[in-house]
Each structure stands twice: as C-alpha cells, then as structure tokens.
C-alpha cells in the first residue's frame, strides 16, 4: 500500500515539475545548494570578523566620544554641608 502511494506521488511530481526536456530542475536545485555551501564557508566567517570589529569600534566610540564629550558627568563628587 505505501509503496504504491509513493510511486503515485513520484509520478505526479515528475509530471508537475517536468520541463520540455523531461527534467525537473535538479540542476537548479544542485546549483543553489552548492552556492549556499560555498557562501557558508566563505562569507559567514568574514561576517563574524566584520561584526566583531564594528562592535569593538562602537564601544571605543561610545566610551571616548559620547560619555566624555557629549554627556560628561557634572555631578560633584563631594558634597559639603554646613553644621
């Protein structure tokens, strides 16, 4: 029963996805898979290095520019009281 059903589904898929030459886009699927694999090995490690560099520079900018120049602390460190 299951084997017959699988064969009917297989025939249906071949008919629905067939092009003029009788193929159903396996070359396209394989090309996309290869592209994704190559991208994951080349682009993703570089993206990690890039994001680490950006975050480090952002931290330095925040500490040196925003905290010191834009929003300096003006609260006095000591408070004198009169008795």
PDB file of N, CA and C in Angstrom:
ATOM      1  N   UNK A   1       0.813  -1.197   0.000  1.00  0.00           N
ATOM      2  CA  UNK A   1       0.000   0.000   0.000  1.00  0.00           C
ATOM      3  C   UNK A   1       0.857   1.262   0.000  1.00  0.00           C
ATOM      4  N   UNK A   2       1.792   1.341   0.903  1.00  0.00           N
ATOM      5  CA  UNK A   2       2.633   2.528   0.972  1.00  0.00           C
ATOM      6  C   UNK A   2       3.517   2.674  -0.252  1.00  0.00           C
ATOM      7  N   UNK A   3       4.023   1.565  -0.775  1.00  0.00           N
ATOM      8  CA  UNK A   3       4.876   1.612  -1.951  1.00  0.00           C
ATOM      9  C   UNK A   3       4.097   2.125  -3.163  1.00  0.00           C
ATOM     10  N   UNK A   4       2.867   1.687  -3.324  1.00  0.00           N
ATOM     11  CA  UNK A   4       2.037   2.167  -4.434  1.00  0.00           C
ATOM     12  C   UNK A   4       1.772   3.668  -4.296  1.00  0.00           C
ATOM     13  N   UNK A   5       1.520   4.100  -3.095  1.00  0.00           N
ATOM     14  CA  UNK A   5       1.251   5.524  -2.858  1.00  0.00           C
ATOM     15  C   UNK A   5       2.487   6.371  -3.156  1.00  0.00           C
ATOM     16  N   UNK A   6       3.650   5.886  -2.734  1.00  0.00           N
ATOM     17  CA  UNK A   6       4.900   6.605  -3.007  1.00  0.00           C
ATOM     18  C   UNK A   6       5.151   6.671  -4.511  1.00  0.00           C
ATOM     19  N   UNK A   7       4.868   5.582  -5.230  1.00  0.00           N
ATOM     20  CA  UNK A   7       5.065   5.588  -6.676  1.00  0.00           C
ATOM     21  C   UNK A   7       4.116   6.563  -7.354  1.00  0.00           C
ATOM     22  N   UNK A   8       2.862   6.621  -6.907  1.00  0.00           N
ATOM     23  CA  UNK A   8       1.918   7.585  -7.487  1.00  0.00           C
ATOM     24  C   UNK A   8       2.360   9.023  -7.218  1.00  0.00           C
ATOM     25  N   UNK A   9       2.836   9.291  -6.019  1.00  0.00           N
ATOM     26  CA  UNK A   9       3.321  10.642  -5.702  1.00  0.00           C
ATOM     27  C   UNK A   9       4.534  10.972  -6.551  1.00  0.00           C
ATOM     28  N   UNK A  10       5.419   9.998  -6.740  1.00  0.00           N
ATOM     29  CA  UNK A  10       6.612  10.219  -7.552  1.00  0.00           C
ATOM     30  C   UNK A  10       6.247  10.538  -9.003  1.00  0.00           C
ATOM     31  N   UNK A  11       5.316   9.800  -9.561  1.00  0.00           N
ATOM     32  CA  UNK A  11       4.859  10.051 -10.937  1.00  0.00           C
ATOM     33  C   UNK A  11       4.212  11.429 -11.015  1.00  0.00           C
ATOM     34  N   UNK A  12       3.382  11.755 -10.047  1.00  0.00           N
ATOM     35  CA  UNK A  12       2.707  13.058 -10.037  1.00  0.00           C
ATOM     36  C   UNK A  12       3.720  14.196  -9.988  1.00  0.00           C
ATOM     37  N   UNK A  13       4.770  14.061  -9.143  1.00  0.00           N
ATOM     38  CA  UNK A  13       5.795  15.098  -9.058  1.00  0.00           C
ATOM     39  C   UNK A  13       6.556  15.237 -10.377  1.00  0.00           C
ATOM     40  N   UNK A  14       6.877  14.115 -11.013  1.00  0.00           N
ATOM     41  CA  UNK A  14       7.596  14.184 -12.291  1.00  0.00           C
ATOM     42  C   UNK A  14       6.769  14.894 -13.346  1.00  0.00           C
ATOM     43  N   UNK A  15       5.489  14.619 -13.378  1.00  0.00           N
ATOM     44  CA  UNK A  15       4.619  15.247 -14.372  1.00  0.00           C
ATOM     45  C   UNK A  15       4.473  16.739 -14.086  1.00  0.00           C
ATOM     46  N   UNK A  16       4.269  17.099 -12.842  1.00  0.00           N
ATOM     47  CA  UNK A  16       4.060  18.503 -12.481  1.00  0.00           C
ATOM     48  C   UNK A  16       5.311  19.345 -12.643  1.00  0.00           C
ATOM     49  N   UNK A  17       6.472  18.766 -12.365  1.00  0.00           N
ATOM     50  CA  UNK A  17       7.698  19.556 -12.353  1.00  0.00           C
ATOM     51  C   UNK A  17       8.534  19.380 -13.610  1.00  0.00           C
ATOM     52  N   UNK A  18       8.071  18.628 -14.568  1.00  0.00           N
ATOM     53  CA  UNK A  18       8.852  18.363 -15.771  1.00  0.00           C
ATOM     54  C   UNK A  18       8.870  19.590 -16.682  1.00  0.00           C
ATOM     55  N   UNK A  19      10.011  19.816 -17.311  1.00  0.00           N
ATOM     56  CA  UNK A  19      10.092  20.865 -18.326  1.00  0.00           C
ATOM     57  C   UNK A  19      10.137  20.214 -19.711  1.00  0.00           C
ATOM     58  N   UNK A  20      10.517  20.968 -20.735  1.00  0.00           N
ATOM     59  CA  UNK A  20      10.488  20.454 -22.099  1.00  0.00           C
ATOM     60  C   UNK A  20      11.394  19.247 -22.298  1.00  0.00           C
ATOM     61  N   UNK A  21      12.494  19.179 -21.588  1.00  0.00           N
ATOM     62  CA  UNK A  21      13.441  18.088 -21.773  1.00  0.00           C
ATOM     63  C   UNK A  21      13.140  16.895 -20.868  1.00  0.00           C
ATOM     64  N   UNK A  22      12.109  17.002 -20.047  1.00  0.00           N
ATOM     65  CA  UNK A  22      11.780  15.906 -19.155  1.00  0.00           C
ATOM     66  C   UNK A  22      12.491  15.967 -17.813  1.00  0.00           C
ATOM     67  N   UNK A  23      13.253  17.021 -17.588  1.00  0.00           N
ATOM     68  CA  UNK A  23      13.935  17.174 -16.314  1.00  0.00           C
ATOM     69  C   UNK A  23      13.088  18.048 -15.414  1.00  0.00           C
ATOM     70  N   UNK A  24      13.305  17.971 -14.147  1.00  0.00           N
ATOM     71  CA  UNK A  24      12.520  18.802 -13.250  1.00  0.00           C
ATOM     72  C   UNK A  24      13.388  19.668 -12.341  1.00  0.00           C
ATOM     73  N   UNK A  25      14.366  20.277 -12.920  1.00  0.00           N
ATOM     74  CA  UNK A  25      15.128  21.310 -12.239  1.00  0.00           C
ATOM     75  C   UNK A  25      16.173  20.826 -11.258  1.00  0.00           C
ATOM     76  N   UNK A  26      16.669  19.604 -11.431  1.00  0.00           N
ATOM     77  CA  UNK A  26      17.687  19.121 -10.492  1.00  0.00           C
ATOM     78  C   UNK A  26      18.970  19.931 -10.608  1.00  0.00           C
ATOM     79  N   UNK A  27      19.292  20.368 -11.810  1.00  0.00           N
ATOM     80  CA  UNK A  27      20.480  21.203 -11.973  1.00  0.00           C
ATOM     81  C   UNK A  27      20.364  22.498 -11.201  1.00  0.00           C
ATOM     82  N   UNK A  28      19.181  23.080 -11.218  1.00  0.00           N
ATOM     83  CA  UNK A  28      18.956  24.320 -10.478  1.00  0.00           C
ATOM     84  C   UNK A  28      19.051  24.078  -8.978  1.00  0.00           C
ATOM     85  N   UNK A  29      18.457  23.009  -8.520  1.00  0.00           N
ATOM     86  CA  UNK A  29      18.500  22.692  -7.092  1.00  0.00           C
ATOM     87  C   UNK A  29      19.929  22.435  -6.637  1.00  0.00           C
ATOM     88  N   UNK A  30      20.682  21.689  -7.419  1.00  0.00           N
ATOM     89  CA  UNK A  30      22.073  21.400  -7.077  1.00  0.00           C
ATOM     90  C   UNK A  30      22.905  22.677  -7.101  1.00  0.00           C
ATOM     91  N   UNK A  31      22.669  23.540  -8.081  1.00  0.00           N
ATOM     92  CA  UNK A  31      23.411  24.809  -8.158  1.00  0.00           C
ATOM     93  C   UNK A  31      23.136  25.683  -6.947  1.00  0.00           C
ATOM     94  N   UNK A  32      21.896  25.762  -6.529  1.00  0.00           N
ATOM     95  CA  UNK A  32      21.556  26.566  -5.351  1.00  0.00           C
ATOM     96  C   UNK A  32      22.201  25.973  -4.104  1.00  0.00           C
ATOM     97  N   UNK A  33      22.184  24.656  -3.968  1.00  0.00           N
ATOM     98  CA  UNK A  33      22.813  24.012  -2.813  1.00  0.00           C
ATOM     99  C   UNK A  33      24.311  24.278  -2.773  1.00  0.00           C
ATOM    100  N   UNK A  34      24.976  24.171  -3.919  1.00  0.00           N
ATOM    101  CA  UNK A  34      26.417  24.448  -3.976  1.00  0.00           C
ATOM    102  C   UNK A  34      26.687  25.904  -3.625  1.00  0.00           C
ATOM    103  N   UNK A  35      25.870  26.806  -4.127  1.00  0.00           N
ATOM    104  CA  UNK A  35      26.042  28.219  -3.807  1.00  0.00           C
ATOM    105  C   UNK A  35      25.894  28.498  -2.321  1.00  0.00           C
ATOM    106  N   UNK A  36      24.914  27.877  -1.693  1.00  0.00           N
ATOM    107  CA  UNK A  36      24.730  28.075  -0.253  1.00  0.00           C
ATOM    108  C   UNK A  36      25.890  27.498   0.559  1.00  0.00           C
ATOM    109  N   UNK A  37      26.405  26.364   0.133  1.00  0.00           N
ATOM    110  CA  UNK A  37      27.534  25.760   0.842  1.00  0.00           C
ATOM    111  C   UNK A  37      28.771  26.638   0.720  1.00  0.00           C
ATOM    112  N   UNK A  38      29.065  27.110  -0.477  1.00  0.00           N
ATOM    113  CA  UNK A  38      30.228  27.979  -0.682  1.00  0.00           C
ATOM    114  C   UNK A  38      30.066  29.269   0.108  1.00  0.00           C
ATOM    115  N   UNK A  39      28.876  29.829   0.095  1.00  0.00           N
ATOM    116  CA  UNK A  39      28.623  31.054   0.846  1.00  0.00           C
ATOM    117  C   UNK A  39      28.846  30.843   2.332  1.00  0.00           C
ATOM    118  N   UNK A  40      28.396  29.717   2.841  1.00  0.00           N
ATOM    119  CA  UNK A  40      28.554  29.486   4.279  1.00  0.00           C
ATOM    120  C   UNK A  40      30.016  29.329   4.673  1.00  0.00           C
ATOM    121  N   UNK A  41      30.849  28.812   3.797  1.00  0.00           N
ATOM    122  CA  UNK A  41      32.257  28.653   4.134  1.00  0.00           C
ATOM    123  C   UNK A  41      33.075  29.917   3.908  1.00  0.00           C
ATOM    124  N   UNK A  42      32.651  30.796   3.018  1.00  0.00           N
ATOM    125  CA  UNK A  42      33.446  31.984   2.691  1.00  0.00           C
ATOM    126  C   UNK A  42      32.909  33.238   3.370  1.00  0.00           C
ATOM    127  N   UNK A  43      31.634  33.501   3.242  1.00  0.00           N
ATOM    128  CA  UNK A  43      31.055  34.763   3.704  1.00  0.00           C
ATOM    129  C   UNK A  43      30.860  34.793   5.214  1.00  0.00           C
ATOM    130  N   UNK A  44      30.333  33.743   5.796  1.00  0.00           N
ATOM    131  CA  UNK A  44      29.972  33.779   7.206  1.00  0.00           C
ATOM    132  C   UNK A  44      31.146  34.011   8.157  1.00  0.00           C
ATOM    133  N   UNK A  45      32.314  33.379   7.980  1.00  0.00           N
ATOM    134  CA  UNK A  45      33.431  33.703   8.876  1.00  0.00           C
ATOM    135  C   UNK A  45      33.869  35.166   8.749  1.00  0.00           C
ATOM    136  N   UNK A  46      33.855  35.704   7.544  1.00  0.00           N
ATOM    137  CA  UNK A  46      34.221  37.104   7.363  1.00  0.00           C
ATOM    138  C   UNK A  46      33.184  38.024   7.992  1.00  0.00           C
ATOM    139  N   UNK A  47      31.939  37.645   7.942  1.00  0.00           N
ATOM    140  CA  UNK A  47      30.879  38.433   8.554  1.00  0.00           C
ATOM    141  C   UNK A  47      31.061  38.479  10.065  1.00  0.00           C
ATOM    142  N   UNK A  48      31.500  37.377  10.649  1.00  0.00           N
ATOM    143  CA  UNK A  48      31.755  37.355  12.095  1.00  0.00           C
ATOM    144  C   UNK A  48      32.897  38.306  12.451  1.00  0.00           C
ATOM    145  N   UNK A  49      33.979  38.282  11.685  1.00  0.00           N
ATOM    146  CA  UNK A  49      35.101  39.199  11.938  1.00  0.00           C
ATOM    147  C   UNK A  49      34.651  40.645  11.766  1.00  0.00           C
ATOM    148  N   UNK A  50      33.864  40.909  10.740  1.00  0.00           N
ATOM    149  CA  UNK A  50      33.378  42.260  10.488  1.00  0.00           C
ATOM    150  C   UNK A  50      32.516  42.757  11.643  1.00  0.00           C
ATOM    151  N   UNK A  51      31.606  41.916  12.121  1.00  0.00           N
ATOM    152  CA  UNK A  51      30.731  42.345  13.214  1.00  0.00           C
ATOM    153  C   UNK A  51      31.507  42.548  14.506  1.00  0.00           C
ATOM    154  N   UNK A  52      32.524  41.735  14.755  1.00  0.00           N
ATOM    155  CA  UNK A  52      33.360  41.919  15.943  1.00  0.00           C
ATOM    156  C   UNK A  52      34.110  43.243  15.868  1.00  0.00           C
ATOM    157  N   UNK A  53      34.647  43.566  14.705  1.00  0.00           N
ATOM    158  CA  UNK A  53      35.352  44.834  14.530  1.00  0.00           C
ATOM    159  C   UNK A  53      34.415  46.013  14.729  1.00  0.00           C
ATOM    160  N   UNK A  54      33.229  45.942  14.164  1.00  0.00           N
ATOM    161  CA  UNK A  54      32.252  47.026  14.313  1.00  0.00           C
ATOM    162  C   UNK A  54      31.882  47.222  15.775  1.00  0.00           C
ATOM    163  N   UNK A  55      31.637  46.149  16.500  1.00  0.00           N
ATOM    164  CA  UNK A  55      31.251  46.257  17.904  1.00  0.00           C
ATOM    165  C   UNK A  55      32.389  46.820  18.753  1.00  0.00           C
ATOM    166  N   UNK A  56      33.628  46.434  18.467  1.00  0.00           N
ATOM    167  CA  UNK A  56      34.765  46.976  19.203  1.00  0.00           C
ATOM    168  C   UNK A  56      34.909  48.474  18.960  1.00  0.00           C
ATOM    169  N   UNK A  57      34.781  48.887  17.694  1.00  0.00           N
ATOM    170  CA  UNK A  57      34.900  50.316  17.383  1.00  0.00           C
ATOM    171  C   UNK A  57      33.733  51.111  17.970  1.00  0.00           C
ATOM    172  N   UNK A  58      32.553  50.516  18.005  1.00  0.00           N
ATOM    173  CA  UNK A  58      31.396  51.185  18.591  1.00  0.00           C
ATOM    174  C   UNK A  58      31.595  51.389  20.091  1.00  0.00           C
ATOM    175  N   UNK A  59      32.161  50.395  20.746  1.00  0.00           N
ATOM    176  CA  UNK A  59      32.432  50.500  22.182  1.00  0.00           C
ATOM    177  C   UNK A  59      33.456  51.602  22.455  1.00  0.00           C
ATOM    178  N   UNK A  60      34.505  51.648  21.650  1.00  0.00           N
ATOM    179  CA  UNK A  60      35.518  52.697  21.804  1.00  0.00           C
ATOM    180  C   UNK A  60      34.921  54.074  21.546  1.00  0.00           C
ATOM    181  N   UNK A  61      34.118  54.205  20.500  1.00  0.00           N
ATOM    182  CA  UNK A  61      33.473  55.487  20.193  1.00  0.00           C
ATOM    183  C   UNK A  61      32.561  55.921  21.338  1.00  0.00           C
ATOM    184  N   UNK A  62      31.801  54.987  21.877  1.00  0.00           N
ATOM    185  CA  UNK A  62      30.875  55.324  22.961  1.00  0.00           C
ATOM    186  C   UNK A  62      31.645  55.813  24.187  1.00  0.00           C
ATOM    187  N   UNK A  63      32.718  55.123  24.531  1.00  0.00           N
ATOM    188  CA  UNK A  63      33.479  55.494  25.726  1.00  0.00           C
ATOM    189  C   UNK A  63      34.231  56.803  25.530  1.00  0.00           C
ATOM    190  N   UNK A  64      34.800  57.020  24.356  1.00  0.00           N
ATOM    191  CA  UNK A  64      35.644  58.199  24.150  1.00  0.00           C
ATOM    192  C   UNK A  64      34.882  59.429  23.693  1.00  0.00           C
ATOM    193  N   UNK A  65      33.798  59.286  22.971  1.00  0.00           N
ATOM    194  CA  UNK A  65      33.094  60.444  22.431  1.00  0.00           C
ATOM    195  C   UNK A  65      31.819  60.748  23.187  1.00  0.00           C
ATOM    196  N   UNK A  66      30.955  59.796  23.281  1.00  0.00           N
ATOM    197  CA  UNK A  66      29.640  60.056  23.866  1.00  0.00           C
ATOM    198  C   UNK A  66      29.747  60.307  25.356  1.00  0.00           C
ATOM    199  N   UNK A  67      30.433  59.443  26.063  1.00  0.00           N
ATOM    200  CA  UNK A  67      30.491  59.574  27.517  1.00  0.00           C
ATOM    201  C   UNK A  67      31.333  60.777  27.927  1.00  0.00           C
ATOM    202  N   UNK A  68      32.477  60.988  27.300  1.00  0.00           N
ATOM    203  CA  UNK A  68      33.378  62.066  27.719  1.00  0.00           C
ATOM    204  C   UNK A  68      32.977  63.429  27.181  1.00  0.00           C
ATOM    205  N   UNK A  69      32.558  63.518  25.917  1.00  0.00           N
ATOM    206  CA  UNK A  69      32.325  64.825  25.296  1.00  0.00           C
ATOM    207  C   UNK A  69      30.852  65.230  25.268  1.00  0.00           C
ATOM    208  N   UNK A  70      29.987  64.329  24.933  1.00  0.00           N
ATOM    209  CA  UNK A  70      28.587  64.700  24.756  1.00  0.00           C
ATOM    210  C   UNK A  70      27.846  64.731  26.078  1.00  0.00           C
ATOM    211  N   UNK A  71      28.038  63.723  26.914  1.00  0.00           N
ATOM    212  CA  UNK A  71      27.355  63.658  28.208  1.00  0.00           C
ATOM    213  C   UNK A  71      28.369  63.539  29.348  1.00  0.00           C
ATOM    214  N   UNK A  72      29.166  64.571  29.558  1.00  0.00           N
ATOM    215  CA  UNK A  72      30.117  64.464  30.677  1.00  0.00           C
ATOM    216  C   UNK A  72      29.352  64.549  32.009  1.00  0.00           C
ATOM    217  N   UNK A  73      29.901  63.916  32.981  1.00  0.00           N
ATOM    218  CA  UNK A  73      29.257  63.966  34.290  1.00  0.00           C
ATOM    219  C   UNK A  73      29.559  65.305  34.942  1.00  0.00           C
ATOM    220  N   UNK A  74      28.526  65.958  35.408  1.00  0.00           N
ATOM    221  CA  UNK A  74      28.686  67.264  36.054  1.00  0.00           C
ATOM    222  C   UNK A  74      28.268  67.209  37.512  1.00  0.00           C
ATOM    223  N   UNK A  75      28.033  66.024  38.006  1.00  0.00           N
ATOM    224  CA  UNK A  75      27.645  65.882  39.401  1.00  0.00           C
ATOM    225  C   UNK A  75      28.908  66.009  40.254  1.00  0.00           C
ATOM    226  N   UNK A  76      28.886  66.872  41.248  1.00  0.00           N
ATOM    227  CA  UNK A  76      30.081  66.997  42.085  1.00  0.00           C
ATOM    228  C   UNK A  76      30.327  65.700  42.861  1.00  0.00           C
ATOM    229  N   UNK A  77      31.593  65.436  43.056  1.00  0.00           N
ATOM    230  CA  UNK A  77      31.931  64.178  43.730  1.00  0.00           C
ATOM    231  C   UNK A  77      31.817  64.289  45.229  1.00  0.00           C
ATOM    232  N   UNK A  78      31.972  65.492  45.769  1.00  0.00           N
ATOM    233  CA  UNK A  78      31.849  65.680  47.225  1.00  0.00           C
ATOM    234  C   UNK A  78      30.795  66.741  47.492  1.00  0.00           C
ATOM    235  N   UNK A  79      30.073  66.546  48.548  1.00  0.00           N
ATOM    236  CA  UNK A  79      29.049  67.492  48.940  1.00  0.00           C
ATOM    237  C   UNK A  79      29.459  68.060  50.308  1.00  0.00           C
ATOM    238  N   UNK A  80      29.511  69.372  50.381  1.00  0.00           N
ATOM    239  CA  UNK A  80      29.866  69.980  51.674  1.00  0.00           C
ATOM    240  C   UNK A  80      28.592  70.451  52.365  1.00  0.00           C
ATOM    241  N   UNK A  81      28.539  70.162  53.610  1.00  0.00           N
ATOM    242  CA  UNK A  81      27.382  70.589  54.386  1.00  0.00           C
ATOM    243  C   UNK A  81      27.860  71.501  55.503  1.00  0.00           C
ATOM    244  N   UNK A  82      27.035  72.430  55.877  1.00  0.00           N
ATOM    245  CA  UNK A  82      27.369  73.342  56.974  1.00  0.00           C
ATOM    246  C   UNK A  82      26.685  72.875  58.252  1.00  0.00           C
ATOM    247  N   UNK A  83      27.420  72.849  59.340  1.00  0.00           N
ATOM    248  CA  UNK A  83      26.792  72.394  60.592  1.00  0.00           C
ATOM    249  C   UNK A  83      25.886  73.420  61.235  1.00  0.00           C
TER     250      UNK A  83
END
